[in-house]
C-alpha atoms as a PDB file:
ATOM      1  CA  MET A   1      84.979  40.460-103.725  1.00  0.00           C
ATOM      2  CA  ARG A   2      88.523  40.887-102.467  1.00  0.00           C
ATOM      3  CA  LEU A   3      91.864  40.825-104.678  1.00  0.00           C
ATOM      4  CA  GLU A   4      95.302  39.277-103.596  1.00  0.00           C
ATOM      5  CA  VAL A   5      98.803  38.963-104.785  1.00  0.00           C
ATOM      6  CA  ARG A   6      99.405  35.345-105.365  1.00  0.00           C
ATOM      7  CA  ASP A   7     102.809  35.595-106.383  1.00  0.00           C
ATOM      8  CA  PHE A   8     106.159  37.230-108.099  1.00  0.00           C
ATOM      9  CA  HIS A   9     108.309  36.024-110.540  1.00  0.00           C
ATOM     10  CA  SER A  10     111.288  38.039-112.959  1.00  0.00           C
ATOM     11  CA  ALA A  11     112.901  36.637-115.780  1.00  0.00           C
ATOM     12  CA  ASP A  12     115.199  38.718-115.158  1.00  0.00           C
ATOM     13  CA  ILE A  13     116.318  37.792-111.791  1.00  0.00           C
ATOM     14  CA  GLN A  14     115.902  34.209-110.348  1.00  0.00           C
ATOM     15  CA  GLU A  15     114.606  34.400-106.742  1.00  0.00           C
ATOM     16  CA  VAL A  16     113.824  38.077-106.890  1.00  0.00           C
ATOM     17  CA  TRP A  17     112.084  37.976-103.124  1.00  0.00           C
ATOM     18  CA  ARG A  18     116.004  37.111-102.083  1.00  0.00           C
ATOM     19  CA  TRP A  19     118.103  38.883-104.754  1.00  0.00           C
ATOM     20  CA  ASN A  20     120.211  41.969-103.512  1.00  0.00           C
ATOM     21  CA  PRO A  21     121.184  44.078-105.989  1.00  0.00           C
ATOM     22  CA  PRO A  22     125.112  45.024-106.668  1.00  0.00           C
ATOM     23  CA  SER A  23     123.725  48.817-105.821  1.00  0.00           C
ATOM     24  CA  PRO A  24     120.150  49.450-104.699  1.00  0.00           C
ATOM     25  CA  ASP A  25     120.221  52.998-106.480  1.00  0.00           C
ATOM     26  CA  ALA A  26     120.653  51.607-109.697  1.00  0.00           C
ATOM     27  CA  VAL A  27     118.094  48.883-110.335  1.00  0.00           C
ATOM     28  CA  TYR A  28     115.900  48.108-113.591  1.00  0.00           C
ATOM     29  CA  PHE A  29     114.093  45.090-113.860  1.00  0.00           C
ATOM     30  CA  GLN A  30     110.826  43.235-114.851  1.00  0.00           C
ATOM     31  CA  LEU A  31     108.536  41.938-112.524  1.00  0.00           C
ATOM     32  CA  GLU A  32     105.737  39.740-113.526  1.00  0.00           C
ATOM     33  CA  ILE A  33     102.596  39.756-110.477  1.00  0.00           C
ATOM     34  CA  GLU A  34     100.134  36.750-110.232  1.00  0.00           C
ATOM     35  CA  ILE A  35      96.701  38.085-108.935  1.00  0.00           C
ATOM     36  CA  GLY A  36      93.539  36.624-108.434  1.00  0.00           C
ATOM     37  CA  GLU A  37      90.323  37.028-106.228  1.00  0.00           C
ATOM     38  CA  GLU A  38      90.765  35.242-102.598  1.00  0.00           C
ATOM     39  CA  GLY A  39      88.831  32.130-102.367  1.00  0.00           C
ATOM     40  CA  LYS A  40      88.711  31.322-105.508  1.00  0.00           C
ATOM     41  CA  ALA A  41      91.585  29.495-107.885  1.00  0.00           C
ATOM     42  CA  GLY A  42      93.710  30.386-110.592  1.00  0.00           C
ATOM     43  CA  GLY A  43      95.215  34.426-111.326  1.00  0.00           C
ATOM     44  CA  HIS A  44      96.145  36.775-113.827  1.00  0.00           C
ATOM     45  CA  LEU A  45      98.993  37.731-114.510  1.00  0.00           C
ATOM     46  CA  PHE A  46     100.332  41.405-115.100  1.00  0.00           C
ATOM     47  CA  GLN A  47     103.218  42.939-115.440  1.00  0.00           C
ATOM     48  CA  LEU A  48     105.215  45.905-114.540  1.00  0.00           C
ATOM     49  CA  VAL A  49     109.531  47.452-114.163  1.00  0.00           C
ATOM     50  CA  ALA A  50     110.832  48.107-111.231  1.00  0.00           C
ATOM     51  CA  ALA A  51     113.589  50.527-111.321  1.00  0.00           C
ATOM     52  CA  THR A  52     115.298  53.562-109.645  1.00  0.00           C
ATOM     53  CA  PRO A  53     116.073  56.939-111.293  1.00  0.00           C
ATOM     54  CA  GLU A  54     119.638  55.932-111.572  1.00  0.00           C
ATOM     55  CA  GLY A  55     118.675  52.457-113.170  1.00  0.00           C
ATOM     56  CA  LEU A  56     116.500  54.117-115.417  1.00  0.00           C
ATOM     57  CA  LEU A  57     119.210  56.495-116.752  1.00  0.00           C
ATOM     58  CA  ALA A  58     121.373  53.498-117.219  1.00  0.00           C
ATOM     59  CA  ILE A  59     119.038  51.637-119.177  1.00  0.00           C
ATOM     60  CA  GLY A  60     118.657  54.918-121.441  1.00  0.00           C
ATOM     61  CA  ARG A  61     122.035  55.270-122.279  1.00  0.00           C
ATOM     62  CA  ARG A  62     123.007  51.342-122.983  1.00  0.00           C
ATOM     63  CA  TYR A  63     119.296  51.300-125.399  1.00  0.00           C
ATOM     64  CA  PRO A  64     118.572  55.188-126.311  1.00  0.00           C
ATOM     65  CA  ALA A  65     116.355  53.770-129.193  1.00  0.00           C
ATOM     66  CA  ARG A  66     114.072  51.741-126.507  1.00  0.00           C
ATOM     67  CA  GLY A  67     112.857  54.996-124.268  1.00  0.00           C
ATOM     68  CA  PHE A  68     111.368  54.744-120.850  1.00  0.00           C
ATOM     69  CA  PRO A  69     107.826  52.598-120.182  1.00  0.00           C
ATOM     70  CA  ASP A  70     105.203  54.924-120.122  1.00  0.00           C
ATOM     71  CA  ARG A  71     103.279  53.414-117.858  1.00  0.00           C
ATOM     72  CA  ALA A  72     103.306  50.001-115.465  1.00  0.00           C
ATOM     73  CA  LEU A  73     106.695  51.528-113.904  1.00  0.00           C
ATOM     74  CA  LEU A  74     107.268  51.731-110.138  1.00  0.00           C
ATOM     75  CA  VAL A  75     110.095  54.224-109.313  1.00  0.00           C
ATOM     76  CA  PHE A  76     111.884  54.165-106.221  1.00  0.00           C
ATOM     77  CA  SER A  77     114.541  55.930-105.086  1.00  0.00           C
ATOM     78  CA  GLU A  78     116.035  53.303-103.598  1.00  0.00           C
ATOM     79  CA  TYR A  79     115.617  49.383-104.307  1.00  0.00           C
ATOM     80  CA  ARG A  80     113.919  47.062-101.300  1.00  0.00           C
ATOM     81  CA  TRP A  81     112.189  43.899-102.238  1.00  0.00           C
ATOM     82  CA  GLU A  82     109.837  45.056 -98.720  1.00  0.00           C
ATOM     83  CA  ALA A  83     109.078  48.247-100.305  1.00  0.00           C
ATOM     84  CA  LEU A  84     108.138  47.131-103.417  1.00  0.00           C
ATOM     85  CA  VAL A  85     105.519  43.871-102.207  1.00  0.00           C
ATOM     86  CA  GLU A  86     104.226  46.681 -99.727  1.00  0.00           C
ATOM     87  CA  ARG A  87     103.628  49.645-102.674  1.00  0.00           C
ATOM     88  CA  VAL A  88     101.956  46.363-105.097  1.00  0.00           C
ATOM     89  CA  GLU A  89      99.915  45.289-102.189  1.00  0.00           C
ATOM     90  CA  ARG A  90      98.570  48.872-101.847  1.00  0.00           C
ATOM     91  CA  ILE A  91      97.628  48.977-105.366  1.00  0.00           C
ATOM     92  CA  VAL A  92      96.060  45.660-105.675  1.00  0.00           C
ATOM     93  CA  THR A  93      94.005  46.595-102.744  1.00  0.00           C
ATOM     94  CA  ARG A  94      93.053  50.483-103.755  1.00  0.00           C
ATOM     95  CA  CYS A  95      91.833  48.751-107.310  1.00  0.00           C
ATOM     96  CA  THR A  96      89.533  46.280-105.415  1.00  0.00           C
ATOM     97  CA  ARG A  97      86.145  46.486-106.638  1.00  0.00           C
ATOM     98  CA  SER A  98      83.008  44.999-106.706  1.00  0.00           C
ATOM     99  CA  THR A  99      83.403  42.918-110.050  1.00  0.00           C
ATOM    100  CA  TRP A 100      86.954  41.330-111.453  1.00  0.00           C
ATOM    101  CA  ASP A 101      86.021  43.323-114.311  1.00  0.00           C
ATOM    102  CA  GLU A 102      86.006  46.585-112.698  1.00  0.00           C
ATOM    103  CA  SER A 103      89.032  45.773-110.962  1.00  0.00           C
ATOM    104  CA  VAL A 104      91.023  44.873-113.457  1.00  0.00           C
ATOM    105  CA  LEU A 105      90.281  47.594-115.516  1.00  0.00           C
ATOM    106  CA  CYS A 106      91.728  49.692-112.020  1.00  0.00           C
ATOM    107  CA  LEU A 107      94.668  47.725-112.248  1.00  0.00           C
ATOM    108  CA  GLN A 108      95.713  48.557-116.017  1.00  0.00           C
ATOM    109  CA  ARG A 109      96.416  51.698-114.818  1.00  0.00           C
ATOM    110  CA  TYR A 110      99.586  50.528-112.893  1.00  0.00           C
ATOM    111  CA  PHE A 111     100.260  47.067-114.343  1.00  0.00           C
ATOM    112  CA  GLU A 112     100.180  45.566-117.902  1.00  0.00           C
ATOM    113  CA  TRP A 113      97.446  42.500-117.649  1.00  0.00           C
ATOM    114  CA  GLU A 114      98.368  39.127-119.801  1.00  0.00           C
ATOM    115  CA  TYR A 115      94.819  40.083-121.621  1.00  0.00           C
ATOM    116  CA  GLU A 116      95.407  43.785-122.209  1.00  0.00           C
ATOM    117  CA  ASP A 117      94.400  43.926-125.884  1.00  0.00           C
ATOM    118  CA  TYR A 118      91.638  41.492-125.213  1.00  0.00           C
ATOM    119  CA  GLU A 119      87.687  42.211-124.799  1.00  0.00           C
ATOM    120  CA  LEU A 120      86.745  41.745-121.073  1.00  0.00           C
ATOM    121  CA  HIS A 121      83.733  39.383-120.512  1.00  0.00           C
ATOM    122  CA  ARG A 122      81.312  40.324-118.158  1.00  0.00           C
ATOM    123  CA  GLY A 123      81.236  37.342-115.763  1.00  0.00           C
ATOM    124  CA  ASN A 124      84.548  35.498-116.213  1.00  0.00           C
ATOM    125  CA  SER A 125      87.332  35.684-113.697  1.00  0.00           C
END
């Protein structure tokens, strides 16, 4: 079995793949990634926060009670869309296992899964 990234979407940024931030060293946004099994229809949604250290500091100052995410966070010294895509694809490749359930367990180390608090059902994808 092989996993593949199917799509990226952000509720924070329209056409996230074309977005050029005003300051590439002060970035913070949520990203949704559709990941599926190669050759099969459909996929599952995973989320993460993409940020730079300066973006994290700015969010911390703006919303001090919120705190920082404790997982599902990719930090870049300077934001570039290509670097983000490359890093996500490396993680997805590294998390490919022999079954979907095993792959999801690995992916949850890096991303939040849409069914995270549901019990995994063996054989479903």
